[in-house]
Amino acid sequence: MIQKICVAGAGTMGSGIALAAAQNNFDTVLFDTNEKGIENAKKSIGKNLDFLLSKEKISITEKENIYKRILFTTNIEDCTGDLIIEAIIENLSIKETLYKNIAAINTAQTIF
């Protein structure tokens, strides 16, 4: 059973995936090696939640709860979960390194 989702890569796609996961009640980790990327993701997700609130798609309580379900981090040790979604730059060697590092801190049951 999937309870925790980790998204590696806090760009536009990764942020959107993390938001969708949190909106669907999953504990979510949004990981990126770049602190500025994490800060941009926080702002982007905040704006998206504000938009949903303004359109009365979510309540203020739902907005706060969705945001609280996301752990924004640059620490790869936090990148654990039942499901890992990779959304990083299209560079094979970087992807291989990321997968090796994440596999080392997750269990055999983790879905990549």
PDB file of N, CA and C in Angstrom:
ATOM      1  N   MET A   1       0.835  -1.173   0.000  1.00  0.00           N
ATOM      2  CA  MET A   1       0.000   0.000   0.000  1.00  0.00           C
ATOM      3  C   MET A   1       0.885   1.243   0.000  1.00  0.00           C
ATOM      4  N   ILE A   2       0.581   2.163  -0.876  1.00  0.00           N
ATOM      5  CA  ILE A   2       1.370   3.391  -0.988  1.00  0.00           C
ATOM      6  C   ILE A   2       0.807   4.435  -0.025  1.00  0.00           C
ATOM      7  N   GLN A   3       1.672   4.904   0.865  1.00  0.00           N
ATOM      8  CA  GLN A   3       1.288   5.947   1.812  1.00  0.00           C
ATOM      9  C   GLN A   3       2.164   7.183   1.672  1.00  0.00           C
ATOM     10  N   LYS A   4       3.406   6.974   1.232  1.00  0.00           N
ATOM     11  CA  LYS A   4       4.365   8.073   1.136  1.00  0.00           C
ATOM     12  C   LYS A   4       4.988   8.071  -0.251  1.00  0.00           C
ATOM     13  N   ILE A   5       4.954   9.240  -0.883  1.00  0.00           N
ATOM     14  CA  ILE A   5       5.510   9.401  -2.220  1.00  0.00           C
ATOM     15  C   ILE A   5       6.651  10.401  -2.155  1.00  0.00           C
ATOM     16  N   CYS A   6       7.741  10.062  -2.810  1.00  0.00           N
ATOM     17  CA  CYS A   6       8.869  10.976  -2.917  1.00  0.00           C
ATOM     18  C   CYS A   6       9.029  11.362  -4.377  1.00  0.00           C
ATOM     19  N   VAL A   7       9.121  12.651  -4.626  1.00  0.00           N
ATOM     20  CA  VAL A   7       9.354  13.163  -5.969  1.00  0.00           C
ATOM     21  C   VAL A   7      10.752  13.769  -5.989  1.00  0.00           C
ATOM     22  N   ALA A   8      11.609  13.254  -6.855  1.00  0.00           N
ATOM     23  CA  ALA A   8      12.967  13.775  -6.998  1.00  0.00           C
ATOM     24  C   ALA A   8      12.981  14.726  -8.183  1.00  0.00           C
ATOM     25  N   GLY A   9      13.209  15.988  -7.893  1.00  0.00           N
ATOM     26  CA  GLY A   9      13.196  17.035  -8.908  1.00  0.00           C
ATOM     27  C   GLY A   9      12.072  18.011  -8.614  1.00  0.00           C
ATOM     28  N   ALA A  10      12.426  19.247  -8.275  1.00  0.00           N
ATOM     29  CA  ALA A  10      11.425  20.234  -7.850  1.00  0.00           C
ATOM     30  C   ALA A  10      11.118  21.265  -8.921  1.00  0.00           C
ATOM     31  N   GLY A  11      11.342  20.899 -10.184  1.00  0.00           N
ATOM     32  CA  GLY A  11      10.983  21.800 -11.268  1.00  0.00           C
ATOM     33  C   GLY A  11       9.476  21.828 -11.465  1.00  0.00           C
ATOM     34  N   THR A  12       9.048  22.335 -12.596  1.00  0.00           N
ATOM     35  CA  THR A  12       7.619  22.457 -12.875  1.00  0.00           C
ATOM     36  C   THR A  12       6.905  21.113 -12.789  1.00  0.00           C
ATOM     37  N   MET A  13       7.454  20.096 -13.429  1.00  0.00           N
ATOM     38  CA  MET A  13       6.809  18.787 -13.419  1.00  0.00           C
ATOM     39  C   MET A  13       6.838  18.170 -12.020  1.00  0.00           C
ATOM     40  N   GLY A  14       7.978  18.174 -11.374  1.00  0.00           N
ATOM     41  CA  GLY A  14       8.091  17.588 -10.045  1.00  0.00           C
ATOM     42  C   GLY A  14       7.197  18.273  -9.033  1.00  0.00           C
ATOM     43  N   SER A  15       7.135  19.595  -9.085  1.00  0.00           N
ATOM     44  CA  SER A  15       6.267  20.347  -8.174  1.00  0.00           C
ATOM     45  C   SER A  15       4.801  20.004  -8.396  1.00  0.00           C
ATOM     46  N   GLY A  16       4.421  19.887  -9.660  1.00  0.00           N
ATOM     47  CA  GLY A  16       3.039  19.525  -9.978  1.00  0.00           C
ATOM     48  C   GLY A  16       2.682  18.133  -9.487  1.00  0.00           C
ATOM     49  N   ILE A  17       3.604  17.200  -9.643  1.00  0.00           N
ATOM     50  CA  ILE A  17       3.374  15.830  -9.170  1.00  0.00           C
ATOM     51  C   ILE A  17       3.259  15.813  -7.648  1.00  0.00           C
ATOM     52  N   ALA A  18       4.154  16.541  -6.981  1.00  0.00           N
ATOM     53  CA  ALA A  18       4.121  16.592  -5.510  1.00  0.00           C
ATOM     54  C   ALA A  18       2.810  17.198  -5.021  1.00  0.00           C
ATOM     55  N   LEU A  19       2.356  18.259  -5.673  1.00  0.00           N
ATOM     56  CA  LEU A  19       1.097  18.880  -5.287  1.00  0.00           C
ATOM     57  C   LEU A  19      -0.068  17.909  -5.473  1.00  0.00           C
ATOM     58  N   ALA A  20      -0.094  17.227  -6.603  1.00  0.00           N
ATOM     59  CA  ALA A  20      -1.168  16.258  -6.865  1.00  0.00           C
ATOM     60  C   ALA A  20      -1.161  15.141  -5.827  1.00  0.00           C
ATOM     61  N   ALA A  21       0.021  14.676  -5.457  1.00  0.00           N
ATOM     62  CA  ALA A  21       0.123  13.618  -4.441  1.00  0.00           C
ATOM     63  C   ALA A  21      -0.412  14.112  -3.101  1.00  0.00           C
ATOM     64  N   ALA A  22       0.014  15.306  -2.695  1.00  0.00           N
ATOM     65  CA  ALA A  22      -0.433  15.864  -1.419  1.00  0.00           C
ATOM     66  C   ALA A  22      -1.937  16.130  -1.424  1.00  0.00           C
ATOM     67  N   GLN A  23      -2.474  16.571  -2.551  1.00  0.00           N
ATOM     68  CA  GLN A  23      -3.909  16.810  -2.662  1.00  0.00           C
ATOM     69  C   GLN A  23      -4.704  15.515  -2.497  1.00  0.00           C
ATOM     70  N   ASN A  24      -4.069  14.409  -2.814  1.00  0.00           N
ATOM     71  CA  ASN A  24      -4.723  13.106  -2.708  1.00  0.00           C
ATOM     72  C   ASN A  24      -4.340  12.374  -1.425  1.00  0.00           C
ATOM     73  N   ASN A  25      -3.958  13.150  -0.432  1.00  0.00           N
ATOM     74  CA  ASN A  25      -3.720  12.672   0.937  1.00  0.00           C
ATOM     75  C   ASN A  25      -2.495  11.786   1.122  1.00  0.00           C
ATOM     76  N   PHE A  26      -1.519  11.895   0.245  1.00  0.00           N
ATOM     77  CA  PHE A  26      -0.271  11.154   0.423  1.00  0.00           C
ATOM     78  C   PHE A  26       0.739  12.048   1.138  1.00  0.00           C
ATOM     79  N   ASP A  27       1.445  11.482   2.106  1.00  0.00           N
ATOM     80  CA  ASP A  27       2.607  12.176   2.642  1.00  0.00           C
ATOM     81  C   ASP A  27       3.591  12.259   1.489  1.00  0.00           C
ATOM     82  N   THR A  28       4.140  13.445   1.275  1.00  0.00           N
ATOM     83  CA  THR A  28       4.928  13.687   0.069  1.00  0.00           C
ATOM     84  C   THR A  28       6.254  14.340   0.408  1.00  0.00           C
ATOM     85  N   VAL A  29       7.302  13.843  -0.213  1.00  0.00           N
ATOM     86  CA  VAL A  29       8.624  14.452  -0.106  1.00  0.00           C
ATOM     87  C   VAL A  29       8.948  15.032  -1.475  1.00  0.00           C
ATOM     88  N   LEU A  30       9.320  16.307  -1.502  1.00  0.00           N
ATOM     89  CA  LEU A  30       9.780  16.929  -2.742  1.00  0.00           C
ATOM     90  C   LEU A  30      11.253  17.248  -2.552  1.00  0.00           C
ATOM     91  N   PHE A  31      12.092  16.507  -3.276  1.00  0.00           N
ATOM     92  CA  PHE A  31      13.542  16.595  -3.121  1.00  0.00           C
ATOM     93  C   PHE A  31      14.181  17.243  -4.343  1.00  0.00           C
ATOM     94  N   ASP A  32      15.144  18.098  -4.082  1.00  0.00           N
ATOM     95  CA  ASP A  32      15.978  18.649  -5.145  1.00  0.00           C
ATOM     96  C   ASP A  32      17.328  18.989  -4.526  1.00  0.00           C
ATOM     97  N   THR A  33      18.375  18.897  -5.311  1.00  0.00           N
ATOM     98  CA  THR A  33      19.704  19.234  -4.803  1.00  0.00           C
ATOM     99  C   THR A  33      19.923  20.740  -4.737  1.00  0.00           C
ATOM    100  N   ASN A  34      19.071  21.491  -5.413  1.00  0.00           N
ATOM    101  CA  ASN A  34      19.210  22.936  -5.531  1.00  0.00           C
ATOM    102  C   ASN A  34      18.242  23.635  -4.572  1.00  0.00           C
ATOM    103  N   GLU A  35      18.780  24.379  -3.607  1.00  0.00           N
ATOM    104  CA  GLU A  35      17.945  25.100  -2.641  1.00  0.00           C
ATOM    105  C   GLU A  35      17.022  26.103  -3.334  1.00  0.00           C
ATOM    106  N   LYS A  36      17.516  26.759  -4.364  1.00  0.00           N
ATOM    107  CA  LYS A  36      16.678  27.722  -5.104  1.00  0.00           C
ATOM    108  C   LYS A  36      15.508  26.995  -5.773  1.00  0.00           C
ATOM    109  N   GLY A  37      15.755  25.795  -6.271  1.00  0.00           N
ATOM    110  CA  GLY A  37      14.687  25.002  -6.859  1.00  0.00           C
ATOM    111  C   GLY A  37      13.612  24.674  -5.849  1.00  0.00           C
ATOM    112  N   ILE A  38      14.015  24.357  -4.632  1.00  0.00           N
ATOM    113  CA  ILE A  38      13.065  24.066  -3.558  1.00  0.00           C
ATOM    114  C   ILE A  38      12.271  25.325  -3.213  1.00  0.00           C
ATOM    115  N   GLU A  39      12.947  26.451  -3.108  1.00  0.00           N
ATOM    116  CA  GLU A  39      12.253  27.711  -2.795  1.00  0.00           C
ATOM    117  C   GLU A  39      11.250  28.068  -3.886  1.00  0.00           C
ATOM    118  N   ASN A  40      11.635  27.880  -5.144  1.00  0.00           N
ATOM    119  CA  ASN A  40      10.715  28.146  -6.255  1.00  0.00           C
ATOM    120  C   ASN A  40       9.513  27.203  -6.211  1.00  0.00           C
ATOM    121  N   ALA A  41       9.752  25.957  -5.843  1.00  0.00           N
ATOM    122  CA  ALA A  41       8.665  24.984  -5.737  1.00  0.00           C
ATOM    123  C   ALA A  41       7.686  25.377  -4.638  1.00  0.00           C
ATOM    124  N   LYS A  42       8.208  25.833  -3.509  1.00  0.00           N
ATOM    125  CA  LYS A  42       7.339  26.281  -2.414  1.00  0.00           C
ATOM    126  C   LYS A  42       6.429  27.407  -2.886  1.00  0.00           C
ATOM    127  N   LYS A  43       7.018  28.374  -3.603  1.00  0.00           N
ATOM    128  CA  LYS A  43       6.237  29.509  -4.105  1.00  0.00           C
ATOM    129  C   LYS A  43       5.191  29.051  -5.120  1.00  0.00           C
ATOM    130  N   SER A  44       5.608  28.200  -6.036  1.00  0.00           N
ATOM    131  CA  SER A  44       4.706  27.714  -7.075  1.00  0.00           C
ATOM    132  C   SER A  44       3.534  26.934  -6.488  1.00  0.00           C
ATOM    133  N   ILE A  45       3.831  26.034  -5.574  1.00  0.00           N
ATOM    134  CA  ILE A  45       2.773  25.249  -4.941  1.00  0.00           C
ATOM    135  C   ILE A  45       1.861  26.155  -4.120  1.00  0.00           C
ATOM    136  N   GLY A  46       2.446  27.118  -3.426  1.00  0.00           N
ATOM    137  CA  GLY A  46       1.643  28.084  -2.669  1.00  0.00           C
ATOM    138  C   GLY A  46       0.700  28.861  -3.565  1.00  0.00           C
ATOM    139  N   LYS A  47       1.195  29.301  -4.728  1.00  0.00           N
ATOM    140  CA  LYS A  47       0.349  30.036  -5.684  1.00  0.00           C
ATOM    141  C   LYS A  47      -0.768  29.153  -6.223  1.00  0.00           C
ATOM    142  N   ASN A  48      -0.439  27.908  -6.528  1.00  0.00           N
ATOM    143  CA  ASN A  48      -1.471  26.990  -7.027  1.00  0.00           C
ATOM    144  C   ASN A  48      -2.548  26.746  -5.970  1.00  0.00           C
ATOM    145  N   LEU A  49      -2.138  26.598  -4.737  1.00  0.00           N
ATOM    146  CA  LEU A  49      -3.108  26.406  -3.663  1.00  0.00           C
ATOM    147  C   LEU A  49      -3.950  27.669  -3.443  1.00  0.00           C
ATOM    148  N   ASP A  50      -3.326  28.834  -3.547  1.00  0.00           N
ATOM    149  CA  ASP A  50      -4.069  30.091  -3.438  1.00  0.00           C
ATOM    150  C   ASP A  50      -5.109  30.206  -4.554  1.00  0.00           C
ATOM    151  N   PHE A  51      -4.730  29.793  -5.745  1.00  0.00           N
ATOM    152  CA  PHE A  51      -5.664  29.821  -6.876  1.00  0.00           C
ATOM    153  C   PHE A  51      -6.857  28.906  -6.601  1.00  0.00           C
ATOM    154  N   LEU A  52      -6.584  27.678  -6.142  1.00  0.00           N
ATOM    155  CA  LEU A  52      -7.671  26.746  -5.833  1.00  0.00           C
ATOM    156  C   LEU A  52      -8.573  27.297  -4.734  1.00  0.00           C
ATOM    157  N   LEU A  53      -7.968  27.964  -3.757  1.00  0.00           N
ATOM    158  CA  LEU A  53      -8.741  28.578  -2.681  1.00  0.00           C
ATOM    159  C   LEU A  53      -9.615  29.703  -3.230  1.00  0.00           C
ATOM    160  N   SER A  54      -9.061  30.538  -4.102  1.00  0.00           N
ATOM    161  CA  SER A  54      -9.815  31.660  -4.665  1.00  0.00           C
ATOM    162  C   SER A  54     -10.992  31.193  -5.523  1.00  0.00           C
ATOM    163  N   LYS A  55     -10.861  30.022  -6.116  1.00  0.00           N
ATOM    164  CA  LYS A  55     -11.935  29.452  -6.939  1.00  0.00           C
ATOM    165  C   LYS A  55     -12.881  28.577  -6.116  1.00  0.00           C
ATOM    166  N   GLU A  56     -12.648  28.569  -4.790  1.00  0.00           N
ATOM    167  CA  GLU A  56     -13.454  27.794  -3.848  1.00  0.00           C
ATOM    168  C   GLU A  56     -13.443  26.290  -4.159  1.00  0.00           C
ATOM    169  N   LYS A  57     -12.312  25.826  -4.696  1.00  0.00           N
ATOM    170  CA  LYS A  57     -12.121  24.394  -4.949  1.00  0.00           C
ATOM    171  C   LYS A  57     -11.644  23.686  -3.683  1.00  0.00           C
ATOM    172  N   ILE A  58     -10.986  24.452  -2.808  1.00  0.00           N
ATOM    173  CA  ILE A  58     -10.520  23.937  -1.521  1.00  0.00           C
ATOM    174  C   ILE A  58     -10.802  24.998  -0.461  1.00  0.00           C
ATOM    175  N   SER A  59     -10.856  24.543   0.792  1.00  0.00           N
ATOM    176  CA  SER A  59     -11.022  25.472   1.914  1.00  0.00           C
ATOM    177  C   SER A  59      -9.642  25.883   2.428  1.00  0.00           C
ATOM    178  N   ILE A  60      -9.622  26.875   3.296  1.00  0.00           N
ATOM    179  CA  ILE A  60      -8.352  27.301   3.894  1.00  0.00           C
ATOM    180  C   ILE A  60      -7.717  26.163   4.688  1.00  0.00           C
ATOM    181  N   THR A  61      -8.556  25.376   5.360  1.00  0.00           N
ATOM    182  CA  THR A  61      -8.047  24.222   6.124  1.00  0.00           C
ATOM    183  C   THR A  61      -7.440  23.188   5.189  1.00  0.00           C
ATOM    184  N   GLU A  62      -8.114  22.912   4.075  1.00  0.00           N
ATOM    185  CA  GLU A  62      -7.573  21.962   3.098  1.00  0.00           C
ATOM    186  C   GLU A  62      -6.253  22.475   2.537  1.00  0.00           C
ATOM    187  N   LYS A  63      -6.197  23.766   2.229  1.00  0.00           N
ATOM    188  CA  LYS A  63      -4.958  24.357   1.711  1.00  0.00           C
ATOM    189  C   LYS A  63      -3.810  24.130   2.688  1.00  0.00           C
ATOM    190  N   GLU A  64      -4.058  24.430   3.953  1.00  0.00           N
ATOM    191  CA  GLU A  64      -3.019  24.267   4.971  1.00  0.00           C
ATOM    192  C   GLU A  64      -2.613  22.808   5.118  1.00  0.00           C
ATOM    193  N   ASN A  65      -3.589  21.907   5.107  1.00  0.00           N
ATOM    194  CA  ASN A  65      -3.290  20.476   5.257  1.00  0.00           C
ATOM    195  C   ASN A  65      -2.520  19.924   4.068  1.00  0.00           C
ATOM    196  N   ILE A  66      -2.881  20.347   2.866  1.00  0.00           N
ATOM    197  CA  ILE A  66      -2.159  19.909   1.662  1.00  0.00           C
ATOM    198  C   ILE A  66      -0.701  20.354   1.758  1.00  0.00           C
ATOM    199  N   TYR A  67      -0.490  21.621   2.083  1.00  0.00           N
ATOM    200  CA  TYR A  67       0.870  22.155   2.162  1.00  0.00           C
ATOM    201  C   TYR A  67       1.686  21.441   3.241  1.00  0.00           C
ATOM    202  N   LYS A  68       1.047  21.136   4.380  1.00  0.00           N
ATOM    203  CA  LYS A  68       1.740  20.452   5.481  1.00  0.00           C
ATOM    204  C   LYS A  68       2.146  19.031   5.113  1.00  0.00           C
ATOM    205  N   ARG A  69       1.460  18.413   4.144  1.00  0.00           N
ATOM    206  CA  ARG A  69       1.794  17.043   3.751  1.00  0.00           C
ATOM    207  C   ARG A  69       3.054  16.973   2.899  1.00  0.00           C
ATOM    208  N   ILE A  70       3.587  18.119   2.484  1.00  0.00           N
ATOM    209  CA  ILE A  70       4.776  18.140   1.629  1.00  0.00           C
ATOM    210  C   ILE A  70       6.009  18.512   2.451  1.00  0.00           C
ATOM    211  N   LEU A  71       6.996  17.637   2.411  1.00  0.00           N
ATOM    212  CA  LEU A  71       8.304  17.938   2.991  1.00  0.00           C
ATOM    213  C   LEU A  71       9.189  18.409   1.844  1.00  0.00           C
ATOM    214  N   PHE A  72       9.604  19.651   1.893  1.00  0.00           N
ATOM    215  CA  PHE A  72      10.508  20.223   0.895  1.00  0.00           C
ATOM    216  C   PHE A  72      11.925  20.028   1.415  1.00  0.00           C
ATOM    217  N   THR A  73      12.795  19.399   0.629  1.00  0.00           N
ATOM    218  CA  THR A  73      14.126  19.083   1.159  1.00  0.00           C
ATOM    219  C   THR A  73      15.203  19.050   0.070  1.00  0.00           C
ATOM    220  N   THR A  74      16.409  19.369   0.513  1.00  0.00           N
ATOM    221  CA  THR A  74      17.592  19.192  -0.336  1.00  0.00           C
ATOM    222  C   THR A  74      18.455  18.048   0.196  1.00  0.00           C
ATOM    223  N   ASN A  75      17.977  17.379   1.226  1.00  0.00           N
ATOM    224  CA  ASN A  75      18.710  16.280   1.850  1.00  0.00           C
ATOM    225  C   ASN A  75      18.242  14.953   1.249  1.00  0.00           C
ATOM    226  N   ILE A  76      19.107  14.302   0.514  1.00  0.00           N
ATOM    227  CA  ILE A  76      18.729  13.046  -0.140  1.00  0.00           C
ATOM    228  C   ILE A  76      18.321  11.978   0.878  1.00  0.00           C
ATOM    229  N   GLU A  77      18.795  12.065   2.096  1.00  0.00           N
ATOM    230  CA  GLU A  77      18.414  11.097   3.133  1.00  0.00           C
ATOM    231  C   GLU A  77      16.913  11.142   3.429  1.00  0.00           C
ATOM    232  N   ASP A  78      16.266  12.250   3.106  1.00  0.00           N
ATOM    233  CA  ASP A  78      14.814  12.383   3.286  1.00  0.00           C
ATOM    234  C   ASP A  78      14.034  11.741   2.143  1.00  0.00           C
ATOM    235  N   CYS A  79      14.739  11.354   1.097  1.00  0.00           N
ATOM    236  CA  CYS A  79      14.097  10.874  -0.140  1.00  0.00           C
ATOM    237  C   CYS A  79      13.749   9.389  -0.034  1.00  0.00           C
ATOM    238  N   THR A  80      12.853   9.099   0.890  1.00  0.00           N
ATOM    239  CA  THR A  80      12.392   7.733   1.081  1.00  0.00           C
ATOM    240  C   THR A  80      10.881   7.704   0.929  1.00  0.00           C
ATOM    241  N   GLY A  81      10.373   6.543   0.551  1.00  0.00           N
ATOM    242  CA  GLY A  81       8.928   6.415   0.416  1.00  0.00           C
ATOM    243  C   GLY A  81       8.538   5.065  -0.138  1.00  0.00           C
ATOM    244  N   ASP A  82       7.250   4.905  -0.322  1.00  0.00           N
ATOM    245  CA  ASP A  82       6.720   3.683  -0.924  1.00  0.00           C
ATOM    246  C   ASP A  82       6.801   3.754  -2.444  1.00  0.00           C
ATOM    247  N   LEU A  83       6.775   4.984  -2.958  1.00  0.00           N
ATOM    248  CA  LEU A  83       6.840   5.235  -4.395  1.00  0.00           C
ATOM    249  C   LEU A  83       7.780   6.399  -4.630  1.00  0.00           C
ATOM    250  N   ILE A  84       8.755   6.210  -5.508  1.00  0.00           N
ATOM    251  CA  ILE A  84       9.699   7.264  -5.872  1.00  0.00           C
ATOM    252  C   ILE A  84       9.419   7.651  -7.321  1.00  0.00           C
ATOM    253  N   ILE A  85       9.216   8.944  -7.538  1.00  0.00           N
ATOM    254  CA  ILE A  85       8.991   9.455  -8.890  1.00  0.00           C
ATOM    255  C   ILE A  85      10.144  10.378  -9.230  1.00  0.00           C
ATOM    256  N   GLU A  86      10.813  10.082 -10.327  1.00  0.00           N
ATOM    257  CA  GLU A  86      11.961  10.880 -10.761  1.00  0.00           C
ATOM    258  C   GLU A  86      11.510  11.896 -11.799  1.00  0.00           C
ATOM    259  N   ALA A  87      11.840  13.163 -11.560  1.00  0.00           N
ATOM    260  CA  ALA A  87      11.483  14.239 -12.476  1.00  0.00           C
ATOM    261  C   ALA A  87      12.641  15.233 -12.570  1.00  0.00           C
ATOM    262  N   ILE A  88      13.834  14.696 -12.864  1.00  0.00           N
ATOM    263  CA  ILE A  88      15.020  15.554 -12.928  1.00  0.00           C
ATOM    264  C   ILE A  88      15.436  15.774 -14.378  1.00  0.00           C
ATOM    265  N   ILE A  89      16.511  16.505 -14.523  1.00  0.00           N
ATOM    266  CA  ILE A  89      17.074  16.842 -15.836  1.00  0.00           C
ATOM    267  C   ILE A  89      17.332  15.568 -16.658  1.00  0.00           C
ATOM    268  N   GLU A  90      17.171  15.689 -17.950  1.00  0.00           N
ATOM    269  CA  GLU A  90      17.366  14.542 -18.849  1.00  0.00           C
ATOM    270  C   GLU A  90      18.860  14.337 -19.131  1.00  0.00           C
ATOM    271  N   ASN A  91      19.532  13.756 -18.142  1.00  0.00           N
ATOM    272  CA  ASN A  91      20.954  13.459 -18.243  1.00  0.00           C
ATOM    273  C   ASN A  91      21.148  12.076 -17.633  1.00  0.00           C
ATOM    274  N   LEU A  92      21.497  11.113 -18.462  1.00  0.00           N
ATOM    275  CA  LEU A  92      21.562   9.716 -18.037  1.00  0.00           C
ATOM    276  C   LEU A  92      22.489   9.489 -16.853  1.00  0.00           C
ATOM    277  N   SER A  93      23.666  10.072 -16.858  1.00  0.00           N
ATOM    278  CA  SER A  93      24.604   9.823 -15.753  1.00  0.00           C
ATOM    279  C   SER A  93      24.076  10.412 -14.442  1.00  0.00           C
ATOM    280  N   ILE A  94      23.428  11.551 -14.501  1.00  0.00           N
ATOM    281  CA  ILE A  94      22.848  12.145 -13.292  1.00  0.00           C
ATOM    282  C   ILE A  94      21.700  11.274 -12.789  1.00  0.00           C
ATOM    283  N   LYS A  95      20.869  10.779 -13.716  1.00  0.00           N
ATOM    284  CA  LYS A  95      19.755   9.901 -13.334  1.00  0.00           C
ATOM    285  C   LYS A  95      20.272   8.608 -12.697  1.00  0.00           C
ATOM    286  N   GLU A  96      21.308   8.023 -13.273  1.00  0.00           N
ATOM    287  CA  GLU A  96      21.871   6.784 -12.729  1.00  0.00           C
ATOM    288  C   GLU A  96      22.382   7.004 -11.312  1.00  0.00           C
ATOM    289  N   THR A  97      23.074   8.103 -11.095  1.00  0.00           N
ATOM    290  CA  THR A  97      23.591   8.421  -9.761  1.00  0.00           C
ATOM    291  C   THR A  97      22.445   8.617  -8.783  1.00  0.00           C
ATOM    292  N   LEU A  98      21.419   9.342  -9.208  1.00  0.00           N
ATOM    293  CA  LEU A  98      20.260   9.571  -8.347  1.00  0.00           C
ATOM    294  C   LEU A  98      19.614   8.247  -7.951  1.00  0.00           C
ATOM    295  N   TYR A  99      19.356   7.386  -8.933  1.00  0.00           N
ATOM    296  CA  TYR A  99      18.723   6.101  -8.630  1.00  0.00           C
ATOM    297  C   TYR A  99      19.566   5.255  -7.682  1.00  0.00           C
ATOM    298  N   LYS A 100      20.875   5.222  -7.894  1.00  0.00           N
ATOM    299  CA  LYS A 100      21.758   4.454  -6.995  1.00  0.00           C
ATOM    300  C   LYS A 100      21.682   4.986  -5.567  1.00  0.00           C
ATOM    301  N   ASN A 101      21.733   6.309  -5.430  1.00  0.00           N
ATOM    302  CA  ASN A 101      21.704   6.921  -4.099  1.00  0.00           C
ATOM    303  C   ASN A 101      20.360   6.710  -3.410  1.00  0.00           C
ATOM    304  N   ILE A 102      19.278   6.830  -4.164  1.00  0.00           N
ATOM    305  CA  ILE A 102      17.951   6.653  -3.567  1.00  0.00           C
ATOM    306  C   ILE A 102      17.697   5.176  -3.263  1.00  0.00           C
ATOM    307  N   ALA A 103      18.128   4.298  -4.122  1.00  0.00           N
ATOM    308  CA  ALA A 103      17.937   2.862  -3.880  1.00  0.00           C
ATOM    309  C   ALA A 103      18.649   2.429  -2.605  1.00  0.00           C
ATOM    310  N   ALA A 104      19.792   3.034  -2.319  1.00  0.00           N
ATOM    311  CA  ALA A 104      20.572   2.663  -1.143  1.00  0.00           C
ATOM    312  C   ALA A 104      19.872   3.008   0.172  1.00  0.00           C
ATOM    313  N   ILE A 105      18.936   3.953   0.147  1.00  0.00           N
ATOM    314  CA  ILE A 105      18.284   4.376   1.395  1.00  0.00           C
ATOM    315  C   ILE A 105      16.820   3.936   1.471  1.00  0.00           C
ATOM    316  N   ASN A 106      16.356   3.189   0.473  1.00  0.00           N
ATOM    317  CA  ASN A 106      14.986   2.689   0.464  1.00  0.00           C
ATOM    318  C   ASN A 106      14.977   1.175   0.583  1.00  0.00           C
ATOM    319  N   THR A 107      13.792   0.609   0.704  1.00  0.00           N
ATOM    320  CA  THR A 107      13.671  -0.832   0.865  1.00  0.00           C
ATOM    321  C   THR A 107      13.426  -1.503  -0.484  1.00  0.00           C
ATOM    322  N   ALA A 108      13.496  -2.822  -0.495  1.00  0.00           N
ATOM    323  CA  ALA A 108      13.242  -3.598  -1.711  1.00  0.00           C
ATOM    324  C   ALA A 108      11.788  -3.468  -2.150  1.00  0.00           C
ATOM    325  N   GLN A 109      10.907  -3.053  -1.253  1.00  0.00           N
ATOM    326  CA  GLN A 109       9.495  -2.904  -1.584  1.00  0.00           C
ATOM    327  C   GLN A 109       9.170  -1.558  -2.240  1.00  0.00           C
ATOM    328  N   THR A 110      10.128  -0.629  -2.210  1.00  0.00           N
ATOM    329  CA  THR A 110       9.908   0.678  -2.798  1.00  0.00           C
ATOM    330  C   THR A 110       9.762   0.557  -4.311  1.00  0.00           C
ATOM    331  N   ILE A 111       8.771   1.233  -4.835  1.00  0.00           N
ATOM    332  CA  ILE A 111       8.520   1.248  -6.287  1.00  0.00           C
ATOM    333  C   ILE A 111       9.203   2.477  -6.868  1.00  0.00           C
ATOM    334  N   PHE A 112      10.005   2.255  -7.905  1.00  0.00           N
ATOM    335  CA  PHE A 112      10.687   3.344  -8.584  1.00  0.00           C
ATOM    336  C   PHE A 112      10.012   3.611  -9.915  1.00  0.00           C
TER     337      PHE A 112
END
